[in-house]
Protein backbone atom coordinates (compact mmCIF):
# COMPACT_ATOMS: atom_id res chain seq x y z
CA UNK A 1 3.17 -15.99 3.57
CA UNK A 2 6.67 -17.40 3.19
CA UNK A 3 6.54 -18.83 6.72
CA UNK A 4 3.12 -20.38 6.07
CA UNK A 5 4.42 -21.84 2.79
CA UNK A 6 7.36 -23.39 4.63
CA UNK A 7 4.97 -24.90 7.17
CA UNK A 8 2.77 -26.40 4.45
CA UNK A 9 5.84 -27.92 2.80
CA UNK A 10 7.12 -29.40 6.06
CA UNK A 11 3.72 -30.97 6.67
CA UNK A 12 3.46 -32.31 3.13
CA UNK A 13 0.35 -30.23 2.47
CA UNK A 14 0.99 -29.64 -1.23
CA UNK A 15 0.21 -31.40 -4.48
CA UNK A 16 -2.94 -33.22 -3.39
CA UNK A 17 -6.67 -32.62 -2.77
CA UNK A 18 -7.47 -30.47 0.25
CA UNK A 19 -3.90 -29.24 0.56
CA UNK A 20 -1.95 -26.20 -0.55
CA UNK A 21 -2.19 -22.53 0.35
CA UNK A 22 -4.98 -20.43 -1.08
CA UNK A 23 -4.52 -16.74 -0.26
CA UNK A 24 -7.63 -14.67 -0.87
CA UNK A 25 -6.22 -11.88 -3.01
CA UNK A 26 -7.69 -8.41 -3.28
CA UNK A 27 -9.26 -8.97 -6.70
CA UNK A 28 -10.23 -11.78 -9.06
CA UNK A 29 -7.27 -11.25 -11.39
CA UNK A 30 -4.37 -10.49 -9.03
CA UNK A 31 -2.92 -13.87 -9.97
CA UNK A 32 -3.32 -13.09 -13.66
CA UNK A 33 -1.69 -9.68 -13.32
CA UNK A 34 1.33 -11.23 -11.59
CA UNK A 35 1.46 -14.14 -14.05
CA UNK A 36 1.64 -11.77 -17.00
CA UNK A 37 4.44 -9.59 -15.64
CA UNK A 38 2.78 -6.73 -13.75
CA UNK A 39 5.57 -6.80 -11.18
CA UNK A 40 8.73 -4.66 -11.14
CA UNK A 41 11.23 -7.52 -11.20
CA UNK A 42 9.85 -10.11 -13.64
CA UNK A 43 8.54 -10.58 -17.17
CA UNK A 44 5.52 -12.85 -17.88
CA UNK A 45 5.83 -16.23 -16.22
CA UNK A 46 7.94 -14.85 -13.35
CA UNK A 47 11.02 -14.74 -15.58
CA UNK A 48 13.46 -12.44 -13.83
CA UNK A 49 14.52 -9.24 -15.57
CA UNK A 50 18.05 -9.44 -14.13
CA UNK A 51 18.91 -12.72 -15.89
CA UNK A 52 20.65 -11.95 -19.22
CA UNK A 53 19.21 -14.99 -21.02
CA UNK A 54 15.68 -13.92 -20.08
CA UNK A 55 16.43 -10.36 -21.14
CA UNK A 56 17.67 -11.56 -24.52
CA UNK A 57 14.56 -13.70 -25.06
CA UNK A 58 12.22 -10.75 -24.56
CA UNK A 59 14.45 -8.39 -26.53
CA UNK A 60 14.15 -10.71 -29.54
CA UNK A 61 10.40 -11.05 -29.11
CA UNK A 62 9.78 -7.33 -28.78
CA UNK A 63 12.62 -6.11 -31.03
CA UNK A 64 13.87 -3.49 -28.60
CA UNK A 65 16.56 -3.16 -25.90
CA UNK A 66 15.46 -3.93 -22.34
CA UNK A 67 16.99 -3.11 -18.98
CA UNK A 68 18.31 -5.79 -16.61
CA UNK A 69 17.52 -3.55 -13.64
CA UNK A 70 14.33 -4.32 -11.68
CA UNK A 71 11.89 -1.47 -11.38
CA UNK A 72 10.39 0.13 -8.29
CA UNK A 73 7.66 -1.40 -6.18
CA UNK A 74 4.48 0.69 -6.10
CA UNK A 75 5.16 1.73 -2.50
CA UNK A 76 8.62 3.04 -3.44
CA UNK A 77 7.50 5.32 -6.28
CA UNK A 78 6.18 8.21 -4.20
CA UNK A 79 9.44 8.58 -2.30
CA UNK A 80 11.39 8.65 -5.56
CA UNK A 81 9.00 11.26 -6.92
CA UNK A 82 9.68 13.47 -3.93
CA UNK A 83 13.41 13.02 -4.53
CA UNK A 84 12.95 14.05 -8.15
CA UNK A 85 14.06 10.66 -9.49
CA UNK A 86 10.59 9.89 -10.93
CA UNK A 87 9.27 12.65 -13.17
CA UNK A 88 6.17 11.08 -14.74
CA UNK A 89 3.74 8.35 -13.73
CA UNK A 90 1.04 6.37 -15.53
CA UNK A 91 -1.54 4.89 -13.14
CA UNK A 92 -4.02 2.26 -14.38
CA UNK A 93 -6.98 1.03 -12.32
CA UNK A 94 -5.44 2.06 -9.01
CA UNK A 95 -6.07 4.79 -6.44
CA UNK A 96 -2.78 5.31 -4.59
CA UNK A 97 -3.85 8.57 -2.97
CA UNK A 98 -6.23 6.53 -0.80
CA UNK A 99 -4.54 3.14 -1.04
CA UNK A 100 -0.91 3.88 -0.21
CA UNK A 101 0.32 4.51 3.35
CA UNK A 102 0.66 8.08 4.60
CA UNK A 103 -1.83 9.88 2.37
CA UNK A 104 -0.17 13.29 2.75
CA UNK A 105 3.20 11.81 1.67
CA UNK A 106 1.55 10.25 -1.40
CA UNK A 107 -0.29 13.42 -2.34
CA UNK A 108 2.88 15.52 -2.11
CA UNK A 109 4.79 13.00 -4.24
CA UNK A 110 2.13 13.01 -6.94
CA UNK A 111 1.90 16.80 -6.92
CA UNK A 112 5.66 17.03 -7.49
CA UNK A 113 5.51 14.94 -10.67
CA UNK A 114 6.00 16.77 -13.95
CA UNK A 115 3.28 14.66 -15.56
CA UNK A 116 0.62 12.29 -14.21
CA UNK A 117 -1.71 10.11 -16.30
CA UNK A 118 -4.57 8.17 -14.72
CA UNK A 119 -6.54 5.55 -16.64
CA UNK A 120 -9.67 4.36 -14.82
CA UNK A 121 -13.41 3.79 -15.13
CA UNK A 122 -14.25 6.50 -12.57
CA UNK A 123 -12.58 9.74 -11.51
CA UNK A 124 -10.78 8.81 -8.30
CA UNK A 125 -8.90 10.91 -5.75
CA UNK A 126 -5.74 10.09 -7.70
CA UNK A 127 -7.41 11.05 -10.97
CA UNK A 128 -8.22 14.47 -9.55
CA UNK A 129 -4.46 15.18 -9.41
CA UNK A 130 -3.80 13.99 -12.98
CA UNK A 131 -2.72 16.07 -15.94
CA UNK A 132 -4.49 13.61 -18.26
CA UNK A 133 -7.35 11.21 -17.46
CA UNK A 134 -8.02 8.35 -19.89
CA UNK A 135 -11.43 6.64 -19.59
CA UNK A 136 -11.07 2.87 -19.30
CA UNK A 137 -13.54 0.00 -19.57
CA UNK A 138 -14.96 -2.24 -16.87
CA UNK A 139 -15.01 -6.05 -17.03
CA UNK A 140 -18.36 -6.15 -18.85
CA UNK A 141 -17.10 -3.89 -21.63
CA UNK A 142 -14.10 -5.88 -22.84
CA UNK A 143 -12.88 -9.28 -23.98
CA UNK A 144 -9.92 -11.11 -22.51
CA UNK A 145 -8.97 -13.54 -19.77
CA UNK A 146 -8.75 -13.65 -15.99
CA UNK A 147 -6.53 -16.02 -14.01
CA UNK A 148 -7.62 -16.74 -10.46
CA UNK A 149 -5.62 -18.01 -7.51
CA UNK A 150 -5.84 -21.70 -8.45
CA UNK A 151 -4.11 -20.81 -11.76
CA UNK A 152 -7.32 -21.24 -13.74
CA UNK A 153 -7.42 -19.24 -16.97
CA UNK A 154 -10.98 -18.19 -17.84
CA UNK A 155 -12.52 -16.12 -20.63
CA UNK A 156 -13.99 -12.68 -20.11
CA UNK A 157 -16.56 -11.74 -22.75
CA UNK A 158 -17.79 -8.29 -23.64
CA UNK A 159 -21.47 -7.84 -22.77
CA UNK A 160 -21.97 -4.19 -23.71
CA UNK A 161 -20.09 -1.54 -25.67
CA UNK A 162 -18.01 0.97 -23.67
CA UNK A 163 -19.64 4.37 -23.08
CA UNK A 164 -18.36 7.57 -24.66
CA UNK A 165 -14.63 7.63 -25.38
CA UNK A 166 -13.79 4.75 -23.01
CA UNK A 167 -11.45 2.14 -24.51
CA UNK A 168 -10.08 -1.23 -23.47
CA UNK A 169 -6.74 -0.98 -21.66
CA UNK A 170 -4.85 -2.91 -24.34
CA UNK A 171 -6.10 -0.55 -27.05
CA UNK A 172 -5.03 2.51 -25.08
CA UNK A 173 -1.55 1.05 -24.48
CA UNK A 174 -1.15 0.03 -28.12
CA UNK A 175 -2.24 3.44 -29.42
CA UNK A 176 0.01 5.28 -26.98
CA UNK A 177 2.94 3.04 -27.89
CA UNK A 178 2.38 3.74 -31.57
CA UNK A 179 2.45 7.51 -30.96
CA UNK A 180 5.70 7.11 -29.04
CA UNK A 181 7.31 5.36 -32.01
CA UNK A 182 6.86 1.65 -31.20
CA UNK A 183 3.97 0.15 -33.09
CA UNK A 184 2.09 -2.69 -31.42
CA UNK A 185 0.26 -4.57 -34.19
CA UNK A 186 -2.29 -6.37 -32.04
CA UNK A 187 -5.81 -6.69 -33.36
CA UNK A 188 -7.37 -8.44 -30.36
CA UNK A 189 -6.70 -9.68 -26.80
CA UNK A 190 -6.45 -13.17 -28.28
CA UNK A 191 -3.32 -12.17 -30.21
CA UNK A 192 -1.75 -10.85 -27.02
CA UNK A 193 -2.60 -14.09 -25.20
CA UNK A 194 -1.01 -16.12 -28.00
CA UNK A 195 2.18 -14.08 -27.62
CA UNK A 196 2.17 -14.81 -23.87
CA UNK A 197 2.01 -18.51 -24.69
CA UNK A 198 5.04 -18.24 -26.97
CA UNK A 199 7.05 -16.52 -24.26
CA UNK A 200 5.85 -18.58 -21.30
CA UNK A 201 5.52 -22.35 -21.91
CA UNK A 202 3.02 -22.78 -19.04
CA UNK A 203 0.37 -21.07 -21.20
CA UNK A 204 1.42 -22.43 -24.58
CA UNK A 205 -1.25 -25.13 -24.71
CA UNK A 206 -4.13 -22.83 -23.76
CA UNK A 207 -6.11 -21.22 -26.57
CA UNK A 208 -9.27 -19.14 -26.72
CA UNK A 209 -10.89 -22.04 -28.54
CA UNK A 210 -10.18 -24.42 -25.67
CA UNK A 211 -11.31 -21.83 -23.12
CA UNK A 212 -14.73 -21.69 -24.77
CA UNK A 213 -15.30 -25.13 -23.22
CA UNK A 214 -14.17 -24.07 -19.74
CA UNK A 215 -11.25 -22.83 -17.68
CA UNK A 216 -7.82 -24.48 -17.82
CA UNK A 217 -5.20 -24.44 -15.07
CA UNK A 218 -1.61 -23.73 -16.00
CA UNK A 219 0.90 -25.18 -16.57
CA UNK A 220 -0.55 -26.47 -19.81
CA UNK A 221 2.42 -26.89 -22.17
CA UNK A 222 0.67 -28.45 -25.20
CA UNK A 223 -2.69 -28.31 -27.00
CA UNK A 224 -3.45 -31.87 -25.89
CA UNK A 225 -2.52 -31.26 -22.23
CA UNK A 226 -5.58 -31.12 -19.89
CA UNK A 227 -4.07 -28.54 -17.56
CA UNK A 228 -2.62 -29.07 -14.10
CA UNK A 229 -5.17 -29.43 -11.32
CA UNK A 230 -2.62 -29.95 -8.55
CA UNK A 231 0.71 -28.17 -8.81
CA UNK A 232 3.68 -30.37 -7.75
CA UNK A 233 1.53 -33.48 -7.55
CA UNK A 234 4.36 -35.62 -8.91
CA UNK A 235 7.13 -33.86 -7.02
CA UNK A 236 9.28 -30.78 -7.47
CA UNK A 237 11.34 -29.82 -10.55
CA UNK A 238 14.60 -30.04 -8.61
CA UNK A 239 13.66 -33.25 -6.86
CA UNK A 240 13.53 -31.95 -3.32
CA UNK A 241 11.62 -28.95 -2.10
CA UNK A 242 13.45 -25.68 -1.57
CA UNK A 243 12.70 -23.83 1.67
CA UNK A 244 13.12 -20.08 2.13
CA UNK A 245 14.62 -18.71 5.32
CA UNK A 246 12.49 -16.13 7.12
CA UNK A 247 13.73 -13.55 9.60
CA UNK A 248 11.32 -12.17 12.17
CA UNK A 249 11.17 -8.39 11.91
CA UNK A 250 9.60 -6.50 14.84
CA UNK A 251 7.03 -3.78 14.12
CA UNK A 252 8.50 -0.41 13.16
CA UNK A 253 6.05 1.31 15.51
CA UNK A 254 4.94 0.19 18.95
CA UNK A 255 2.37 1.61 21.30
CA UNK A 256 3.85 4.04 23.83
CA UNK A 257 2.69 6.68 26.29
CA UNK A 258 1.98 9.24 23.58
CA UNK A 259 0.32 6.79 21.19
CA UNK A 260 -0.97 4.00 23.46
CA UNK A 261 -3.12 2.02 21.01
CA UNK A 262 -2.33 -0.17 18.00
CA UNK A 263 -4.37 0.49 14.86
CA UNK A 264 -5.08 -2.31 12.41
CA UNK A 265 -6.87 -1.69 9.11
CA UNK A 266 -8.96 -3.92 6.87
CA UNK A 267 -12.29 -4.42 5.13
CA UNK A 268 -15.95 -4.57 5.97
CA UNK A 269 -18.64 -6.53 4.15
CA UNK A 270 -20.28 -3.71 2.21
CA UNK A 271 -17.37 -1.94 0.55
CA UNK A 272 -14.70 -3.03 -1.89
CA UNK A 273 -11.13 -1.82 -1.53
CA UNK A 274 -11.10 1.99 -1.52
CA UNK A 275 -14.63 2.34 -2.80
CA UNK A 276 -14.03 3.80 -6.25
CA UNK A 277 -16.89 1.56 -7.44
CA UNK A 278 -18.92 0.62 -4.35
CA UNK A 279 -19.14 4.19 -3.00
CA UNK A 280 -21.07 4.99 -6.18
CA UNK A 281 -23.63 2.22 -5.60
CA UNK A 282 -26.41 3.65 -3.43
CA UNK A 283 -27.80 0.31 -2.10
CA UNK A 284 -24.33 -0.79 -0.99
CA UNK A 285 -23.45 2.62 0.41
CA UNK A 286 -26.64 2.67 2.48
CA UNK A 287 -25.62 -0.56 4.24
CA UNK A 288 -21.98 0.45 4.67
CA UNK A 289 -22.80 3.32 7.01
CA UNK A 290 -20.43 6.04 8.12
CA UNK A 291 -16.70 5.65 8.87
CA UNK A 292 -16.06 4.08 12.26
CA UNK A 293 -13.37 2.88 14.65
CA UNK A 294 -13.90 -0.29 16.66
CA UNK A 295 -12.67 0.13 20.25
CA UNK A 296 -12.57 -2.43 23.08
CA UNK A 297 -15.03 -1.68 25.95
CA UNK A 298 -12.27 -1.40 28.57
CA UNK A 299 -10.32 1.08 26.44
CA UNK A 300 -13.48 3.05 25.76
CA UNK A 301 -14.30 3.19 29.48
CA UNK A 302 -10.76 4.34 30.30
CA UNK A 303 -11.03 7.14 27.72
CA UNK A 304 -14.68 7.90 28.67
CA UNK A 305 -15.81 7.28 25.11
CA UNK A 306 -19.47 6.40 24.49
CA UNK A 307 -21.02 4.29 21.75
CA UNK A 308 -21.42 6.22 18.46
CA UNK A 309 -19.52 9.22 19.82
CA UNK A 310 -17.37 11.12 17.32
CA UNK A 311 -13.68 10.72 18.10
CA UNK A 312 -10.38 11.79 16.64
CA UNK A 313 -7.73 9.15 15.88
CA UNK A 314 -4.19 10.50 15.57
CA UNK A 315 -0.85 8.98 14.55
CA UNK A 316 2.57 10.54 13.99
CA UNK A 317 1.46 11.42 10.45
CA UNK A 318 -2.02 12.86 10.79
CA UNK A 319 -5.51 12.51 12.22
CA UNK A 320 -9.05 11.63 11.13
CA UNK A 321 -12.50 11.97 12.70
CA UNK A 322 -15.02 9.14 12.78
CA UNK A 323 -17.58 7.32 14.92
CA UNK A 324 -16.64 5.07 17.84
CA UNK A 325 -18.04 1.54 17.88
CA UNK A 326 -17.47 -0.14 21.23
CA UNK A 327 -17.11 -3.87 20.72
CA UNK A 328 -15.21 -6.94 21.87
CA UNK A 329 -14.45 -7.76 18.25
CA UNK A 330 -11.10 -6.08 18.89
CA UNK A 331 -8.63 -6.84 21.64
CA UNK A 332 -7.81 -4.45 24.44
CA UNK A 333 -5.12 -2.02 23.33
CA UNK A 334 -6.14 -2.24 19.68
CA UNK A 335 -8.55 -0.41 17.39
CA UNK A 336 -9.80 -1.37 13.94
CA UNK A 337 -10.69 1.06 11.13
CA UNK A 338 -11.95 0.00 7.67
CA UNK A 339 -9.92 1.28 4.74
CA UNK A 340 -12.80 2.16 2.41
CA UNK A 341 -13.82 5.68 3.43
CA UNK A 342 -12.41 8.71 1.63
CA UNK A 343 -13.98 11.10 4.16
CA UNK A 344 -11.99 9.43 6.96
CA UNK A 345 -9.09 7.95 5.01
CA UNK A 346 -7.30 5.61 7.38
CA UNK A 347 -4.07 5.79 5.39
CA UNK A 348 -3.68 9.35 6.61
CA UNK A 349 -2.46 7.53 9.73
CA UNK A 350 -0.35 4.66 8.37
CA UNK A 351 3.42 4.61 7.93
CA UNK A 352 4.99 4.82 4.46
CA UNK A 353 8.45 3.99 5.87
CA UNK A 354 7.44 0.65 7.40
CA UNK A 355 7.84 -1.69 4.40
CA UNK A 356 8.55 -5.40 4.27
CA UNK A 357 12.13 -5.86 3.10
CA UNK A 358 11.19 -8.34 0.35
CA UNK A 359 7.66 -7.54 -0.86
CA UNK A 360 7.69 -3.81 0.03
CA UNK A 361 4.22 -4.30 1.54
CA UNK A 362 3.37 -1.57 4.09
CA UNK A 363 2.73 -2.32 7.75
CA UNK A 364 -0.99 -1.64 7.47
CA UNK A 365 -1.77 -3.85 10.46
CA UNK A 366 0.38 -2.03 13.04
CA UNK A 367 0.28 1.74 13.55
CA UNK A 368 0.65 3.48 16.91
CA UNK A 369 -2.27 5.87 17.52
CA UNK A 370 -4.19 7.74 20.19
CA UNK A 371 -7.95 8.26 20.39
CA UNK A 372 -9.52 11.43 21.79
CA UNK A 373 -13.05 12.54 22.51
CA UNK A 374 -13.93 15.61 20.47
CA UNK A 375 -16.07 16.73 23.39
CA UNK A 376 -12.83 17.47 25.22
CA UNK A 377 -12.10 20.26 22.73
CA UNK A 378 -15.26 22.06 23.71
């Protein structure tokens, strides 16, 4: 992404219609989560935790001491748990047991924790390991805002009441904080949004009242500001653009004689992420079919694998069984497996040690594997 951003800047493809970079994120509110500080190294508005002035600003706002040390990325937590450095974990709306690389490594790390809390709308594979499960609410059961990738803040309105003991995430956090000795006196998501605006000027001019008339793109510094349709349309804050150097890092794993194929993972049309919601929807599940591996015809012929035959895919970390789909959708020497299926969890195969140095993103697209016919075992 950094390299693509540099390219767009060199070509002048920013700050005007039809330009810019628009990454399709995993969910509708990934931008909003990042904007509001759900990252280990920043507060809301991407204000760095290791800058003393920023630290002091948030300490005054929240009336409590704060650390200047960045936290751990999600993909670093399991390793620290295995080392004993992380004793307890609170997981909200995430299923790391299926979603993180090297499923067995993740499971062992979570099992070593002294205390695990999972807050979600369904009982996931991660929730099954939890000491406490807190029922959360889905989008239709709560009020609030989403921010999508073009920085547009939009209202979310409750359509139905939550079932049973399910509560909105902000209520759960506020109640838990109160029981731990720090009272959060919020009465609504609107109050929380107003606080965000006080701490991050880009949101200061956006109010729930204005959002009733439609979405507004930040930065929007005042109540009379219309929002910013094109970021950097008039130039850059420092005058000239700042490029970021990128170093090419080779894959941690390469195909070899023992593991001659390269596995890449991804999505198919009928499932969403790791299926905690879509696997429970019978019409979607019926179209999604069974777990499968896409294999190039020449590779399949070499391995004497037939269409729809059950095969075993093995990496240095584990193996899974699934159906072979012979297709030219993949290149020779590569196989593709969707990430959605718990019964053939592809992250059993992927490498937890192959992380990007900056983002800590796993190398989901490159894993050395071998494919075997199960008929050979008979």
